[in-house]
Amino acid sequence: MIIFGAQKKVEPEPTSDSFVTNSDDVEVYAVMWQRKHWKDVPHTLSTVEGLMTETVSEGAQNVNIYCSGGTLTGSINKTAMLKIGGNYHLVAAGGNAAGNKVPVTIYPPAPSGGYVDGTHVEFCDSAVEVHDFNLGSNAWVYQPGFRAFQLINPANCGYSSRPKGFFVRHRPTGTESVDYNVVLFHPFYCGKYQASKADATASAGGSSAVAVSKQGVVPWASITYDAAVTACAASDSVNGKDIGTYLLHDEEWVALAVYSMLLGPDRFGTNKWGPYGNNNTLKDADDASITFTADPTVSSRSLTGTGVKSGWKTGMNLTTHTGLINGVYDLNGNMWEWTVGLKLKVGGSGTGYIFVDEADTGLQFPSNWSSSSESITEINTNPKIAKHAIAGAVDGTGKPEFGNDYQYQGTSANTEYLPFRGGDWDDSASAGVFALYIRDTRSYSDSDVGFRAAFCVS
């Protein structure tokens, strides 16, 4: 069964030819199927040799792109995406070729150290790769649309050692809709870091009403669900573009979690299947050599995106969903994060039903829970909630494939509950990308609950 997201549809329905394998060996939508928010106009630049840049100083935005031995003709258009060296940049202002060079303005500015003369430049295929970039005060990560295969009967799919609900990269053996689901996750842009106030620093949370995604600052916590929605809607005011930012959708959170799962335990370590990052006492619960910078305003909480470890290779960071610095930070621990689109509504009986985008699925959490909090041993494979990683079975310890993460449901009669995801600094190994706490109402707030913004491709 092909499961579409509630946020976006792809028209017409994709076929097997609509997917390509990206550098992570994940089946993403081919370029023609990826809907890019920036609506890039194809550049007209023509050259007989490769492109490179003249020297660019650290923090500079004005770049001269040239061809070493040929002649440049045409132009580089605004909003094209360039890869200079190993970094991605949007073209904020385009330019026309003259004198064998094209002047453009890039965003974000040149990184630490700048670029030396002759640094390689290419027009990157931004549609199929996870990549990060800055816009205004925000750091974003583009998560391309992809498909994954969810095991219903693992033994029939050649995965007898894996639990039900586990996701794999490529189509397994067995029968679709009987032995496995085909689940489509659509592309979006996610805040690279947990949200902070626009004027937050490393020592103070600030007072702004605008949410930003910024590294190394005090995160925005003690915020209600509705206040988080409002703060995310205001975040585009600092971007200079009408991009319609919003509170991260629940299925988008799960897309990041599943993408992390597809990359496998070797990317993140052999004892957990998701990214490290639960900063228990400012050290990772699974690897104490991964440390975090303390948030001076709340004991044991860390500043945004500060997990590091001596000896990591260049570009590596296991506290992101990709295990690389291009990924989304702190999905595992530090603070719980509100998400939108999922609800648990409890009637008079005290047993709740799961709602997705206000639609009643008629489904419930596992009925055999011994308490309100249990760890995941299976993920529910019903197509109505397959994109939301709801526990299908639980026990007291969980499964390593799901990070031994736990889920916690509310049971008070006549109550509507909204979700947090990821866990906090006190949750140790129980935190993780599949951890779900849906036991508080929209008016709840605490120092261990934050959020992050996102925006969708058009």
Protein backbone atom coordinates (compact mmCIF):
# COMPACT_ATOMS: atom_id res chain seq x y z
CA MET A 1 0.00 0.00 0.00
CA ILE A 2 1.30 3.45 -0.88
CA ILE A 3 0.71 5.89 1.96
CA PHE A 4 0.67 9.58 1.14
CA GLY A 5 1.26 12.36 3.61
CA ALA A 6 -1.52 14.71 4.59
CA GLN A 7 0.62 17.77 3.93
CA LYS A 8 1.42 17.40 0.23
CA LYS A 9 0.39 15.24 -2.69
CA VAL A 10 2.42 14.37 -5.75
CA GLU A 11 0.51 14.56 -9.02
CA PRO A 12 0.26 12.34 -10.90
CA GLU A 13 0.85 9.33 -8.66
CA PRO A 14 4.53 8.37 -8.88
CA THR A 15 5.62 5.15 -10.53
CA SER A 16 8.69 3.03 -9.96
CA ASP A 17 10.54 5.28 -12.40
CA SER A 18 9.85 8.31 -10.22
CA PHE A 19 12.62 7.45 -7.75
CA VAL A 20 16.39 7.59 -7.78
CA THR A 21 18.93 6.47 -5.19
CA ASN A 22 20.79 9.34 -3.56
CA SER A 23 24.21 9.32 -1.91
CA ASP A 24 22.70 7.88 1.30
CA ASP A 25 21.38 4.88 -0.70
CA VAL A 26 17.82 6.03 0.02
CA GLU A 27 15.16 6.01 -2.71
CA VAL A 28 14.19 9.66 -3.10
CA TYR A 29 11.89 11.27 -5.62
CA ALA A 30 13.70 11.94 -8.87
CA VAL A 31 14.40 15.59 -9.62
CA MET A 32 11.24 15.98 -11.70
CA TRP A 33 9.14 14.82 -8.74
CA GLN A 34 10.76 16.98 -6.08
CA ARG A 35 8.79 20.19 -5.66
CA LYS A 36 11.38 22.83 -4.79
CA HIS A 37 10.21 25.75 -2.72
CA TRP A 38 12.57 28.14 -4.46
CA LYS A 39 11.10 27.51 -7.94
CA ASP A 40 14.59 27.72 -9.47
CA VAL A 41 14.82 29.07 -12.99
CA PRO A 42 17.37 27.01 -14.93
CA HIS A 43 20.59 28.97 -15.33
CA THR A 44 21.75 29.81 -18.84
CA LEU A 45 25.46 29.78 -18.11
CA SER A 46 27.54 28.10 -20.79
CA THR A 47 31.20 27.15 -20.38
CA VAL A 48 33.69 24.84 -22.00
CA GLU A 49 35.47 24.08 -18.72
CA GLY A 50 34.64 23.70 -15.04
CA LEU A 51 33.57 26.60 -12.86
CA MET A 52 35.55 28.00 -9.93
CA THR A 53 35.55 31.03 -7.69
CA GLU A 54 38.03 33.79 -7.08
CA THR A 55 39.22 34.31 -3.49
CA VAL A 56 36.34 34.95 -1.08
CA SER A 57 37.03 36.14 2.45
CA GLU A 58 35.30 34.71 5.49
CA GLY A 59 31.80 36.15 5.89
CA ALA A 60 31.75 37.70 2.41
CA GLN A 61 28.78 37.32 0.09
CA ASN A 62 30.08 38.80 -3.17
CA VAL A 63 31.57 36.07 -5.32
CA ASN A 64 33.13 36.13 -8.78
CA ILE A 65 32.71 32.82 -10.60
CA TYR A 66 34.94 32.16 -13.58
CA CYS A 67 36.10 29.54 -16.04
CA SER A 68 39.82 28.85 -16.06
CA GLY A 69 40.48 28.31 -19.74
CA GLY A 70 37.24 28.87 -21.61
CA THR A 71 34.73 31.64 -22.08
CA LEU A 72 31.60 32.19 -20.02
CA THR A 73 28.35 33.26 -21.62
CA GLY A 74 24.88 33.64 -20.15
CA SER A 75 23.81 34.23 -16.53
CA ILE A 76 23.36 32.70 -13.10
CA ASN A 77 19.85 33.34 -11.89
CA LYS A 78 18.63 34.32 -8.45
CA THR A 79 17.69 31.40 -6.14
CA ALA A 80 19.84 28.89 -7.97
CA MET A 81 21.73 26.65 -5.55
CA LEU A 82 25.51 26.44 -5.81
CA LYS A 83 27.93 24.06 -4.18
CA ILE A 84 31.22 25.87 -3.52
CA GLY A 85 33.82 23.46 -2.24
CA GLY A 86 31.71 21.32 0.08
CA ASN A 87 29.19 24.00 1.07
CA TYR A 88 25.74 24.86 -0.28
CA HIS A 89 24.73 28.45 -1.03
CA LEU A 90 21.64 30.06 -2.47
CA VAL A 91 22.21 32.78 -5.04
CA ALA A 92 20.61 35.84 -3.43
CA ALA A 93 21.38 38.07 -6.42
CA GLY A 94 22.26 36.72 -9.84
CA GLY A 95 24.61 38.10 -12.46
CA ASN A 96 25.54 38.07 -16.14
CA ALA A 97 28.78 36.85 -17.65
CA ALA A 98 31.29 39.55 -18.60
CA GLY A 99 35.05 39.30 -18.96
CA ASN A 100 34.89 35.55 -18.32
CA LYS A 101 33.36 35.94 -14.87
CA VAL A 102 29.91 36.18 -13.33
CA PRO A 103 29.41 38.23 -10.14
CA VAL A 104 26.77 36.84 -7.76
CA THR A 105 25.70 37.33 -4.16
CA ILE A 106 25.52 34.16 -2.09
CA TYR A 107 23.66 33.21 1.08
CA PRO A 108 24.79 32.12 3.60
CA PRO A 109 28.07 34.07 3.53
CA ALA A 110 31.38 32.30 2.99
CA PRO A 111 32.26 30.02 5.92
CA SER A 112 35.16 30.20 8.34
CA GLY A 113 38.38 30.57 6.34
CA GLY A 114 36.55 31.68 3.22
CA TYR A 115 37.43 30.22 -0.18
CA VAL A 116 40.78 30.24 -1.91
CA ASP A 117 41.08 31.14 -5.57
CA GLY A 118 40.21 28.18 -7.78
CA THR A 119 37.70 26.54 -5.39
CA HIS A 120 35.41 24.29 -7.42
CA VAL A 121 31.85 25.53 -8.09
CA GLU A 122 28.93 23.52 -9.41
CA PHE A 123 25.18 23.81 -9.78
CA CYS A 124 24.09 21.17 -7.31
CA ASP A 125 21.18 18.78 -7.58
CA SER A 126 19.59 20.04 -4.40
CA ALA A 127 16.42 18.01 -4.89
CA VAL A 128 17.81 14.59 -4.01
CA GLU A 129 20.26 15.22 -1.16
CA VAL A 130 19.87 16.25 2.46
CA HIS A 131 21.58 19.62 2.77
CA ASP A 132 21.68 22.58 5.10
CA PHE A 133 21.75 26.32 4.45
CA ASN A 134 21.04 29.61 6.18
CA LEU A 135 18.33 32.11 5.36
CA GLY A 136 18.00 35.29 7.37
CA SER A 137 18.45 34.38 11.03
CA ASN A 138 17.60 30.72 10.48
CA ALA A 139 19.58 27.59 9.71
CA TRP A 140 17.47 25.10 7.75
CA VAL A 141 17.88 21.52 6.56
CA TYR A 142 16.24 20.32 3.37
CA GLN A 143 14.90 16.78 3.74
CA PRO A 144 14.14 15.39 0.27
CA GLY A 145 11.01 13.34 -0.31
CA PHE A 146 11.68 9.60 -0.15
CA ARG A 147 10.01 6.23 0.08
CA ALA A 148 10.63 3.55 2.65
CA PHE A 149 9.33 0.02 3.07
CA GLN A 150 7.68 -0.85 6.37
CA LEU A 151 7.72 -4.50 7.38
CA ILE A 152 4.36 -6.04 8.27
CA ASN A 153 5.51 -9.67 8.24
CA PRO A 154 9.30 -9.38 8.60
CA ALA A 155 10.00 -13.10 8.07
CA ASN A 156 8.22 -13.07 4.71
CA CYS A 157 10.34 -10.08 3.68
CA GLY A 158 13.70 -11.64 4.45
CA TYR A 159 14.09 -9.76 7.75
CA SER A 160 13.20 -12.38 10.36
CA SER A 161 15.42 -10.71 12.96
CA ARG A 162 13.65 -7.34 12.71
CA PRO A 163 10.50 -6.26 14.55
CA LYS A 164 7.17 -5.50 12.93
CA GLY A 165 6.97 -1.89 11.76
CA PHE A 166 10.70 -1.62 11.04
CA PHE A 167 11.59 0.41 7.91
CA VAL A 168 14.08 -0.68 5.23
CA ARG A 169 15.60 1.22 2.29
CA HIS A 170 14.71 -0.97 -0.66
CA ARG A 171 11.71 -3.08 -1.67
CA PRO A 172 11.86 -6.41 0.19
CA THR A 173 10.60 -9.81 -0.85
CA GLY A 174 6.99 -10.63 -0.09
CA THR A 175 3.70 -9.09 -1.16
CA GLU A 176 3.02 -5.36 -1.00
CA SER A 177 0.21 -4.38 1.42
CA VAL A 178 0.34 -7.86 2.94
CA ASP A 179 3.96 -8.30 4.00
CA TYR A 180 5.10 -4.68 3.76
CA ASN A 181 3.83 -1.12 3.20
CA VAL A 182 5.30 1.40 0.80
CA VAL A 183 5.36 4.68 2.70
CA LEU A 184 6.03 8.00 0.96
CA PHE A 185 7.48 10.93 2.90
CA HIS A 186 7.33 14.23 1.08
CA PRO A 187 10.02 16.94 1.00
CA PHE A 188 10.19 19.81 3.47
CA TYR A 189 12.56 22.23 5.17
CA CYS A 190 13.19 21.76 8.90
CA GLY A 191 14.78 23.97 11.52
CA LYS A 192 18.30 22.65 11.92
CA TYR A 193 18.23 23.45 15.64
CA GLN A 194 15.61 23.48 18.36
CA ALA A 195 13.86 26.84 18.25
CA SER A 196 15.17 29.78 20.22
CA LYS A 197 14.00 33.35 20.57
CA ALA A 198 15.44 35.64 17.90
CA ASP A 199 17.49 37.55 20.49
CA ALA A 200 18.64 34.51 22.49
CA THR A 201 22.33 34.21 23.34
CA ALA A 202 24.53 31.58 24.96
CA SER A 203 23.72 33.07 28.35
CA ALA A 204 20.12 34.28 28.10
CA GLY A 205 16.87 33.13 26.51
CA GLY A 206 15.89 36.57 25.22
CA SER A 207 12.50 38.23 24.99
CA SER A 208 11.61 38.13 21.27
CA ALA A 209 8.29 36.68 20.08
CA VAL A 210 9.93 35.36 16.90
CA ALA A 211 11.32 31.80 16.71
CA VAL A 212 14.62 31.14 14.94
CA SER A 213 16.83 28.13 14.31
CA LYS A 214 20.27 29.08 15.61
CA GLN A 215 23.20 27.12 17.00
CA GLY A 216 24.76 27.56 20.43
CA VAL A 217 22.03 29.55 22.18
CA VAL A 218 19.50 29.00 24.97
CA PRO A 219 16.53 27.10 23.51
CA TRP A 220 12.98 28.39 23.76
CA ALA A 221 11.18 26.23 26.31
CA SER A 222 8.33 26.60 28.83
CA ILE A 223 6.00 27.31 25.93
CA THR A 224 2.46 26.09 25.30
CA TYR A 225 1.40 24.39 22.10
CA ASP A 226 -0.52 27.41 20.80
CA ALA A 227 2.32 29.79 21.65
CA ALA A 228 4.72 27.53 19.71
CA VAL A 229 2.41 27.62 16.70
CA THR A 230 2.32 31.43 16.87
CA ALA A 231 6.10 31.75 17.28
CA CYS A 232 6.73 29.53 14.25
CA ALA A 233 4.30 31.52 12.12
CA ALA A 234 6.21 34.69 13.03
CA SER A 235 9.63 33.25 12.18
CA ASP A 236 9.37 34.09 8.47
CA SER A 237 9.40 37.78 9.37
CA VAL A 238 13.17 37.57 9.84
CA ASN A 239 13.79 35.61 6.67
CA GLY A 240 12.99 38.18 4.01
CA LYS A 241 10.86 35.66 2.13
CA ASP A 242 7.21 34.76 2.39
CA ILE A 243 7.82 31.10 3.09
CA GLY A 244 4.96 30.27 5.45
CA THR A 245 6.84 28.74 8.37
CA TYR A 246 4.89 26.57 10.82
CA LEU A 247 5.31 24.23 13.78
CA LEU A 248 6.94 21.00 12.57
CA HIS A 249 4.30 18.51 11.47
CA ASP A 250 4.24 15.17 13.26
CA GLU A 251 4.71 13.16 10.07
CA GLU A 252 7.70 15.36 9.19
CA TRP A 253 9.29 14.54 12.54
CA VAL A 254 8.74 10.85 11.75
CA ALA A 255 10.23 11.33 8.27
CA LEU A 256 13.46 12.46 9.94
CA ALA A 257 13.29 9.52 12.35
CA VAL A 258 12.73 6.99 9.57
CA TYR A 259 15.49 8.50 7.41
CA SER A 260 17.79 8.08 10.39
CA MET A 261 16.67 4.46 10.73
CA LEU A 262 17.35 3.78 7.05
CA LEU A 263 20.94 4.96 7.42
CA GLY A 264 21.46 2.12 9.87
CA PRO A 265 23.25 1.55 13.18
CA ASP A 266 26.73 1.70 11.66
CA ARG A 267 26.22 5.41 11.09
CA PHE A 268 25.27 6.00 14.71
CA GLY A 269 26.91 3.17 16.63
CA THR A 270 26.10 -0.47 17.12
CA ASN A 271 23.94 -0.24 20.24
CA LYS A 272 21.27 2.23 19.07
CA TRP A 273 19.44 2.65 15.79
CA GLY A 274 18.86 6.38 15.95
CA PRO A 275 21.09 9.40 16.35
CA TYR A 276 22.86 9.91 19.62
CA GLY A 277 22.15 13.10 21.49
CA ASN A 278 20.34 12.45 24.77
CA ASN A 279 22.46 14.72 26.91
CA ASN A 280 21.97 13.01 30.26
CA THR A 281 24.07 15.17 32.66
CA LEU A 282 25.47 16.90 29.54
CA LYS A 283 26.96 13.66 28.26
CA ASP A 284 25.38 11.23 25.83
CA ALA A 285 23.60 8.36 27.53
CA ASP A 286 25.09 5.88 25.04
CA ASP A 287 28.53 7.42 24.59
CA ALA A 288 29.80 9.56 27.45
CA SER A 289 32.58 10.97 25.26
CA ILE A 290 29.91 12.93 23.36
CA THR A 291 29.47 16.10 25.41
CA PHE A 292 27.25 19.17 25.24
CA THR A 293 27.60 22.83 26.21
CA ALA A 294 25.60 23.58 29.34
CA ASP A 295 22.65 25.94 29.19
CA PRO A 296 23.38 28.27 32.14
CA THR A 297 19.67 28.98 32.67
CA VAL A 298 18.49 25.38 33.29
CA SER A 299 20.54 22.64 34.95
CA SER A 300 21.41 19.67 32.67
CA ARG A 301 19.84 21.29 29.59
CA SER A 302 22.22 22.15 26.76
CA LEU A 303 22.56 24.98 24.28
CA THR A 304 21.21 24.23 20.81
CA GLY A 305 23.24 21.96 18.54
CA THR A 306 26.36 21.72 20.70
CA GLY A 307 27.03 17.97 20.84
CA VAL A 308 30.70 17.20 20.02
CA LYS A 309 33.21 14.39 20.36
CA SER A 310 36.96 14.40 19.98
CA GLY A 311 38.07 12.19 17.10
CA TRP A 312 35.02 12.52 14.88
CA LYS A 313 36.00 12.77 11.24
CA THR A 314 35.49 16.04 9.40
CA GLY A 315 31.79 16.57 8.72
CA MET A 316 30.66 13.94 11.21
CA ASN A 317 28.24 14.58 14.08
CA LEU A 318 26.23 11.72 15.52
CA THR A 319 23.77 14.03 17.26
CA THR A 320 22.02 14.76 13.94
CA HIS A 321 19.54 12.64 12.00
CA THR A 322 22.10 11.93 9.27
CA GLY A 323 25.15 11.52 11.50
CA LEU A 324 26.70 14.43 9.60
CA ILE A 325 26.81 18.19 10.15
CA ASN A 326 24.28 18.62 7.32
CA GLY A 327 21.53 17.02 9.45
CA VAL A 328 18.93 18.12 12.00
CA TYR A 329 20.33 18.38 15.55
CA ASP A 330 18.94 17.29 18.91
CA LEU A 331 15.97 15.21 17.83
CA ASN A 332 17.11 12.76 20.51
CA GLY A 333 16.88 14.33 23.93
CA ASN A 334 17.68 17.75 25.37
CA MET A 335 14.03 18.86 25.18
CA TRP A 336 10.76 17.34 24.12
CA GLU A 337 9.33 19.11 21.05
CA TRP A 338 5.72 19.91 20.22
CA THR A 339 4.50 18.67 16.83
CA VAL A 340 1.29 19.44 14.96
CA GLY A 341 -1.17 17.09 13.23
CA LEU A 342 -1.52 14.29 15.79
CA LYS A 343 -4.00 14.15 18.68
CA LEU A 344 -5.23 11.67 21.25
CA LYS A 345 -8.88 12.23 22.18
CA VAL A 346 -10.21 10.43 25.22
CA GLY A 347 -13.97 10.06 25.72
CA GLY A 348 -15.84 9.03 28.80
CA SER A 349 -14.16 5.62 29.00
CA GLY A 350 -10.65 6.94 29.58
CA THR A 351 -9.31 5.16 26.49
CA GLY A 352 -8.26 7.49 23.71
CA TYR A 353 -8.52 7.38 19.92
CA ILE A 354 -5.82 8.67 17.60
CA PHE A 355 -6.66 11.60 15.32
CA VAL A 356 -4.51 12.62 12.33
CA ASP A 357 -5.13 16.10 10.92
CA GLU A 358 -8.44 16.15 12.83
CA ALA A 359 -9.60 12.88 11.22
CA ASP A 360 -10.58 10.08 13.61
CA THR A 361 -8.55 7.00 12.67
CA GLY A 362 -10.61 4.74 14.94
CA LEU A 363 -7.31 3.39 16.27
CA GLN A 364 -5.86 3.28 19.77
CA PHE A 365 -2.54 2.72 21.45
CA PRO A 366 -1.78 -0.88 22.50
CA SER A 367 -4.30 -2.18 25.01
CA ASN A 368 -1.86 -4.36 26.96
CA TRP A 369 0.08 -1.55 28.62
CA SER A 370 0.83 -2.24 32.26
CA SER A 371 1.26 1.49 32.86
CA SER A 372 0.95 4.73 30.90
CA SER A 373 4.62 4.60 29.83
CA GLU A 374 6.06 1.65 27.92
CA SER A 375 8.87 1.07 25.40
CA ILE A 376 8.25 0.20 21.76
CA THR A 377 8.61 -3.39 20.54
CA GLU A 378 6.56 -2.90 17.34
CA ILE A 379 5.32 0.08 15.33
CA ASN A 380 1.72 0.01 14.17
CA THR A 381 1.53 -0.77 10.44
CA ASN A 382 -2.04 0.38 9.87
CA PRO A 383 -1.88 2.74 6.85
CA LYS A 384 -3.83 5.41 8.74
CA ILE A 385 -0.97 5.96 11.19
CA ALA A 386 2.05 4.30 9.56
CA LYS A 387 3.56 7.75 8.96
CA HIS A 388 3.31 8.65 12.65
CA ALA A 389 5.33 5.82 14.25
CA ILE A 390 2.73 4.89 16.87
CA ALA A 391 3.60 1.91 19.03
CA GLY A 392 1.85 -1.29 17.95
CA ALA A 393 3.17 -3.31 20.88
CA VAL A 394 5.14 -2.39 24.00
CA ASP A 395 6.88 -3.82 27.02
CA GLY A 396 9.19 -2.66 29.79
CA THR A 397 12.42 -2.59 27.75
CA GLY A 398 11.64 -2.04 24.06
CA LYS A 399 13.69 -2.93 20.99
CA PRO A 400 17.09 -1.50 20.01
CA GLU A 401 15.83 -0.96 16.45
CA PHE A 402 13.48 1.64 17.94
CA GLY A 403 16.19 2.95 20.25
CA ASN A 404 14.43 1.39 23.28
CA ASP A 405 12.36 4.58 23.06
CA TYR A 406 9.20 4.90 25.07
CA GLN A 407 5.72 6.29 24.43
CA TYR A 408 3.43 7.73 27.04
CA GLN A 409 -0.33 8.18 26.61
CA GLY A 410 -2.88 10.11 28.62
CA THR A 411 -5.96 8.36 29.93
CA SER A 412 -8.05 11.03 31.68
CA ALA A 413 -11.65 10.99 30.52
CA ASN A 414 -12.96 13.70 28.20
CA THR A 415 -9.51 15.11 27.43
CA GLU A 416 -7.66 16.05 24.24
CA TYR A 417 -3.91 15.42 24.30
CA LEU A 418 -1.24 16.84 21.97
CA PRO A 419 2.20 15.31 21.30
CA PHE A 420 5.78 15.99 22.27
CA ARG A 421 8.54 14.07 20.50
CA GLY A 422 12.13 13.06 21.24
CA GLY A 423 12.56 13.00 25.01
CA ASP A 424 14.51 15.30 27.34
CA TRP A 425 17.77 15.35 29.28
CA ASP A 426 16.31 13.25 32.12
CA ASP A 427 15.09 10.38 29.93
CA SER A 428 18.43 8.66 29.39
CA ALA A 429 18.13 5.70 26.98
CA SER A 430 14.33 6.06 26.81
CA ALA A 431 14.64 9.26 24.78
CA GLY A 432 15.02 9.07 21.03
CA VAL A 433 13.55 9.86 17.64
CA PHE A 434 10.63 7.48 18.21
CA ALA A 435 9.87 8.66 21.75
CA LEU A 436 6.36 10.10 22.01
CA TYR A 437 4.66 11.77 24.96
CA ILE A 438 0.98 12.42 24.31
CA ARG A 439 -0.24 12.93 27.84
CA ASP A 440 -0.56 16.71 28.21
CA THR A 441 -3.00 19.27 26.93
CA ARG A 442 -2.26 22.27 24.70
CA SER A 443 -1.87 24.59 27.71
CA TYR A 444 1.02 22.62 29.23
CA SER A 445 4.50 24.14 29.42
CA ASP A 446 7.76 23.26 31.16
CA SER A 447 11.50 23.84 30.91
CA ASP A 448 11.94 20.48 29.16
CA VAL A 449 9.46 21.17 26.35
CA GLY A 450 10.39 23.16 23.25
CA PHE A 451 9.70 23.05 19.51
CA ARG A 452 11.11 23.74 16.05
CA ALA A 453 9.82 25.36 12.87
CA ALA A 454 9.51 23.97 9.35
CA PHE A 455 8.18 24.98 5.97
CA CYS A 456 6.90 22.91 3.09
CA VAL A 457 7.83 22.76 -0.55
CA SER A 458 5.23 24.17 -2.92
